[in-house]
């Protein structure tokens, strides 16, 4: 039995920021998957980024460094 990775969900103020973050994070070699925001987290733009928990510290630093605005982070969550 394989264990599911721990994930974080990053929400954004708009779909523009979500798509920009996905592009930048993938260019830096991080796994990043855009998906609908779970209702229990937010009703903002409707798209969130799902990333590995182990990468969160570096990911947040890159988002800040690149001026990519995000709303909030949720996790760690068990992978889906």
N, C-alpha and C. Protein backbone atom coordinates (compact mmCIF):
# COMPACT_ATOMS: atom_id res chain seq x y z
N UNK A 1 0.84 -1.19 0.00
CA UNK A 1 0.00 0.00 0.00
C UNK A 1 0.88 1.25 0.00
N UNK A 2 0.64 2.12 -0.94
CA UNK A 2 1.41 3.36 -1.00
C UNK A 2 0.69 4.44 -0.20
N UNK A 3 1.50 5.25 0.45
CA UNK A 3 0.90 6.35 1.21
C UNK A 3 0.76 7.55 0.29
N UNK A 4 -0.31 8.27 0.48
CA UNK A 4 -0.57 9.46 -0.33
C UNK A 4 0.27 10.62 0.22
N UNK A 5 0.81 11.43 -0.66
CA UNK A 5 1.65 12.55 -0.20
C UNK A 5 0.81 13.61 0.50
N UNK A 6 1.46 14.33 1.39
CA UNK A 6 0.79 15.46 2.01
C UNK A 6 0.84 16.64 1.04
N UNK A 7 -0.27 17.34 0.95
CA UNK A 7 -0.41 18.44 -0.01
C UNK A 7 -0.82 19.72 0.71
N UNK A 8 -0.56 20.82 0.05
CA UNK A 8 -1.10 22.11 0.47
C UNK A 8 -1.94 22.64 -0.68
N UNK A 9 -2.94 23.42 -0.34
CA UNK A 9 -3.76 24.10 -1.32
C UNK A 9 -3.48 25.59 -1.15
N UNK A 10 -3.21 26.25 -2.27
CA UNK A 10 -2.97 27.69 -2.27
C UNK A 10 -4.11 28.33 -3.05
N UNK A 11 -4.81 29.25 -2.41
CA UNK A 11 -5.90 29.95 -3.10
C UNK A 11 -5.39 31.31 -3.57
N UNK A 12 -6.08 31.84 -4.58
CA UNK A 12 -5.67 33.10 -5.21
C UNK A 12 -6.84 34.07 -5.30
N UNK A 13 -6.50 35.34 -5.45
CA UNK A 13 -7.53 36.38 -5.58
C UNK A 13 -8.20 36.35 -6.94
N UNK A 14 -7.50 35.81 -7.95
CA UNK A 14 -8.06 35.75 -9.29
C UNK A 14 -7.46 34.58 -10.06
N UNK A 15 -8.12 34.21 -11.14
CA UNK A 15 -7.60 33.12 -11.97
C UNK A 15 -6.27 33.53 -12.62
N UNK A 16 -6.10 34.81 -12.88
CA UNK A 16 -4.84 35.29 -13.45
C UNK A 16 -3.67 34.87 -12.57
N UNK A 17 -3.76 35.13 -11.26
CA UNK A 17 -2.67 34.80 -10.34
C UNK A 17 -2.47 33.30 -10.24
N UNK A 18 -3.54 32.53 -10.30
CA UNK A 18 -3.43 31.07 -10.24
C UNK A 18 -2.64 30.54 -11.44
N UNK A 19 -2.98 31.01 -12.65
CA UNK A 19 -2.28 30.56 -13.84
C UNK A 19 -0.83 31.04 -13.87
N UNK A 20 -0.59 32.25 -13.42
CA UNK A 20 0.79 32.76 -13.34
C UNK A 20 1.62 31.92 -12.37
N UNK A 21 1.05 31.62 -11.21
CA UNK A 21 1.76 30.81 -10.22
C UNK A 21 2.08 29.43 -10.77
N UNK A 22 1.11 28.81 -11.44
CA UNK A 22 1.34 27.48 -12.01
C UNK A 22 2.52 27.52 -12.98
N UNK A 23 2.54 28.49 -13.85
CA UNK A 23 3.62 28.61 -14.84
C UNK A 23 4.97 28.76 -14.16
N UNK A 24 5.07 29.69 -13.23
CA UNK A 24 6.34 29.96 -12.55
C UNK A 24 6.80 28.75 -11.74
N UNK A 25 5.89 28.13 -11.00
CA UNK A 25 6.28 26.99 -10.18
C UNK A 25 6.73 25.81 -11.03
N UNK A 26 6.07 25.56 -12.13
CA UNK A 26 6.49 24.48 -13.02
C UNK A 26 7.83 24.80 -13.67
N UNK A 27 8.06 26.06 -14.00
CA UNK A 27 9.36 26.46 -14.55
C UNK A 27 10.48 26.23 -13.54
N UNK A 28 10.16 26.31 -12.24
CA UNK A 28 11.14 26.05 -11.18
C UNK A 28 11.21 24.57 -10.80
N UNK A 29 10.47 23.73 -11.51
CA UNK A 29 10.55 22.29 -11.29
C UNK A 29 9.64 21.73 -10.22
N UNK A 30 8.68 22.51 -9.74
CA UNK A 30 7.75 22.03 -8.71
C UNK A 30 6.51 21.41 -9.34
N UNK A 31 5.98 20.41 -8.66
CA UNK A 31 4.69 19.86 -9.06
C UNK A 31 3.62 20.85 -8.62
N UNK A 32 2.75 21.21 -9.53
CA UNK A 32 1.68 22.16 -9.24
C UNK A 32 0.50 21.80 -10.11
N UNK A 33 -0.62 21.54 -9.47
CA UNK A 33 -1.82 21.17 -10.22
C UNK A 33 -2.93 22.14 -9.87
N UNK A 34 -3.51 22.78 -10.89
CA UNK A 34 -4.65 23.66 -10.66
C UNK A 34 -5.91 22.82 -10.61
N UNK A 35 -6.80 23.18 -9.69
CA UNK A 35 -8.05 22.45 -9.53
C UNK A 35 -9.08 23.37 -8.91
N UNK A 36 -10.34 22.96 -8.93
CA UNK A 36 -11.36 23.81 -8.27
C UNK A 36 -11.08 23.92 -6.77
N UNK A 37 -11.37 25.09 -6.23
CA UNK A 37 -11.17 25.30 -4.79
C UNK A 37 -12.27 24.55 -4.03
N UNK A 38 -11.88 23.73 -3.05
CA UNK A 38 -12.90 23.10 -2.22
C UNK A 38 -13.71 24.19 -1.49
N UNK A 39 -15.00 24.05 -1.46
CA UNK A 39 -15.87 25.08 -0.87
C UNK A 39 -15.53 25.40 0.59
N UNK A 40 -15.02 24.41 1.31
CA UNK A 40 -14.70 24.66 2.72
C UNK A 40 -13.51 25.61 2.89
N UNK A 41 -12.75 25.84 1.81
CA UNK A 41 -11.59 26.72 1.90
C UNK A 41 -11.90 28.14 1.46
N UNK A 42 -12.57 28.30 0.31
CA UNK A 42 -12.77 29.65 -0.21
C UNK A 42 -13.80 29.66 -1.32
N UNK A 43 -14.35 30.82 -1.54
CA UNK A 43 -15.24 31.00 -2.68
C UNK A 43 -14.70 32.13 -3.56
N UNK A 44 -13.39 32.40 -3.45
CA UNK A 44 -12.80 33.53 -4.18
C UNK A 44 -12.83 33.30 -5.69
N UNK A 45 -11.72 32.93 -6.30
CA UNK A 45 -11.69 32.86 -7.76
C UNK A 45 -12.12 31.51 -8.30
N UNK A 46 -12.16 30.50 -7.47
CA UNK A 46 -12.62 29.19 -7.92
C UNK A 46 -11.53 28.24 -8.33
N UNK A 47 -10.28 28.72 -8.46
CA UNK A 47 -9.16 27.85 -8.83
C UNK A 47 -8.10 27.94 -7.75
N UNK A 48 -7.54 26.78 -7.40
CA UNK A 48 -6.44 26.76 -6.44
C UNK A 48 -5.31 25.92 -7.01
N UNK A 49 -4.15 26.05 -6.40
CA UNK A 49 -3.00 25.24 -6.77
C UNK A 49 -2.79 24.20 -5.67
N UNK A 50 -2.58 22.98 -6.09
CA UNK A 50 -2.28 21.89 -5.17
C UNK A 50 -0.80 21.58 -5.33
N UNK A 51 -0.05 21.65 -4.23
CA UNK A 51 1.39 21.44 -4.27
C UNK A 51 1.80 20.50 -3.14
N UNK A 52 2.98 19.93 -3.26
CA UNK A 52 3.49 19.03 -2.23
C UNK A 52 3.87 19.81 -0.98
N UNK A 53 3.49 19.27 0.16
CA UNK A 53 3.77 19.94 1.44
C UNK A 53 5.27 20.14 1.64
N UNK A 54 6.06 19.18 1.21
CA UNK A 54 7.51 19.26 1.40
C UNK A 54 8.14 20.44 0.65
N UNK A 55 7.45 20.97 -0.35
CA UNK A 55 7.96 22.09 -1.15
C UNK A 55 7.42 23.45 -0.71
N UNK A 56 6.53 23.46 0.27
CA UNK A 56 5.80 24.69 0.60
C UNK A 56 6.68 25.88 0.94
N UNK A 57 7.70 25.70 1.73
CA UNK A 57 8.55 26.81 2.14
C UNK A 57 9.19 27.47 0.91
N UNK A 58 9.74 26.65 0.02
CA UNK A 58 10.36 27.18 -1.19
C UNK A 58 9.33 27.82 -2.12
N UNK A 59 8.16 27.20 -2.23
CA UNK A 59 7.11 27.71 -3.10
C UNK A 59 6.65 29.09 -2.64
N UNK A 60 6.41 29.24 -1.34
CA UNK A 60 5.99 30.55 -0.84
C UNK A 60 7.06 31.61 -1.06
N UNK A 61 8.32 31.22 -0.93
CA UNK A 61 9.41 32.17 -1.18
C UNK A 61 9.42 32.60 -2.65
N UNK A 62 9.21 31.65 -3.56
CA UNK A 62 9.19 31.98 -4.99
C UNK A 62 8.00 32.87 -5.33
N UNK A 63 6.83 32.56 -4.77
CA UNK A 63 5.65 33.39 -5.03
C UNK A 63 5.91 34.83 -4.59
N UNK A 64 6.50 35.00 -3.42
CA UNK A 64 6.80 36.34 -2.91
C UNK A 64 7.86 37.01 -3.78
N UNK A 65 8.92 36.29 -4.08
CA UNK A 65 10.02 36.81 -4.89
C UNK A 65 9.53 37.28 -6.27
N UNK A 66 8.59 36.55 -6.85
CA UNK A 66 8.07 36.86 -8.18
C UNK A 66 6.89 37.85 -8.15
N UNK A 67 6.47 38.24 -6.96
CA UNK A 67 5.35 39.17 -6.83
C UNK A 67 4.01 38.56 -7.20
N UNK A 68 3.88 37.24 -7.01
CA UNK A 68 2.64 36.53 -7.34
C UNK A 68 1.74 36.49 -6.12
N UNK A 69 0.63 37.21 -6.19
CA UNK A 69 -0.29 37.32 -5.06
C UNK A 69 -1.10 36.05 -4.86
N UNK A 70 -1.16 35.62 -3.61
CA UNK A 70 -2.05 34.51 -3.28
C UNK A 70 -2.90 34.92 -2.09
N UNK A 71 -4.01 34.21 -1.92
CA UNK A 71 -4.97 34.55 -0.88
C UNK A 71 -4.61 33.87 0.43
N UNK A 72 -4.57 32.53 0.42
CA UNK A 72 -4.32 31.77 1.64
C UNK A 72 -3.74 30.40 1.30
N UNK A 73 -3.23 29.73 2.34
CA UNK A 73 -2.77 28.35 2.17
C UNK A 73 -3.49 27.46 3.17
N UNK A 74 -3.74 26.23 2.75
CA UNK A 74 -4.42 25.25 3.60
C UNK A 74 -3.66 23.95 3.54
N UNK A 75 -3.40 23.39 4.70
CA UNK A 75 -2.73 22.10 4.74
C UNK A 75 -1.88 21.99 5.97
N UNK A 76 -1.18 20.89 6.08
CA UNK A 76 -1.08 19.82 5.10
C UNK A 76 -2.33 18.94 5.07
N UNK A 77 -2.65 18.48 3.86
CA UNK A 77 -3.79 17.60 3.62
C UNK A 77 -3.27 16.30 3.03
N UNK A 78 -3.99 15.24 3.22
CA UNK A 78 -3.61 13.97 2.59
C UNK A 78 -3.92 14.05 1.12
N UNK A 79 -3.06 13.49 0.28
CA UNK A 79 -3.25 13.50 -1.16
C UNK A 79 -4.57 12.86 -1.57
N UNK A 80 -5.04 13.28 -2.71
CA UNK A 80 -6.32 12.78 -3.21
C UNK A 80 -6.09 11.78 -4.31
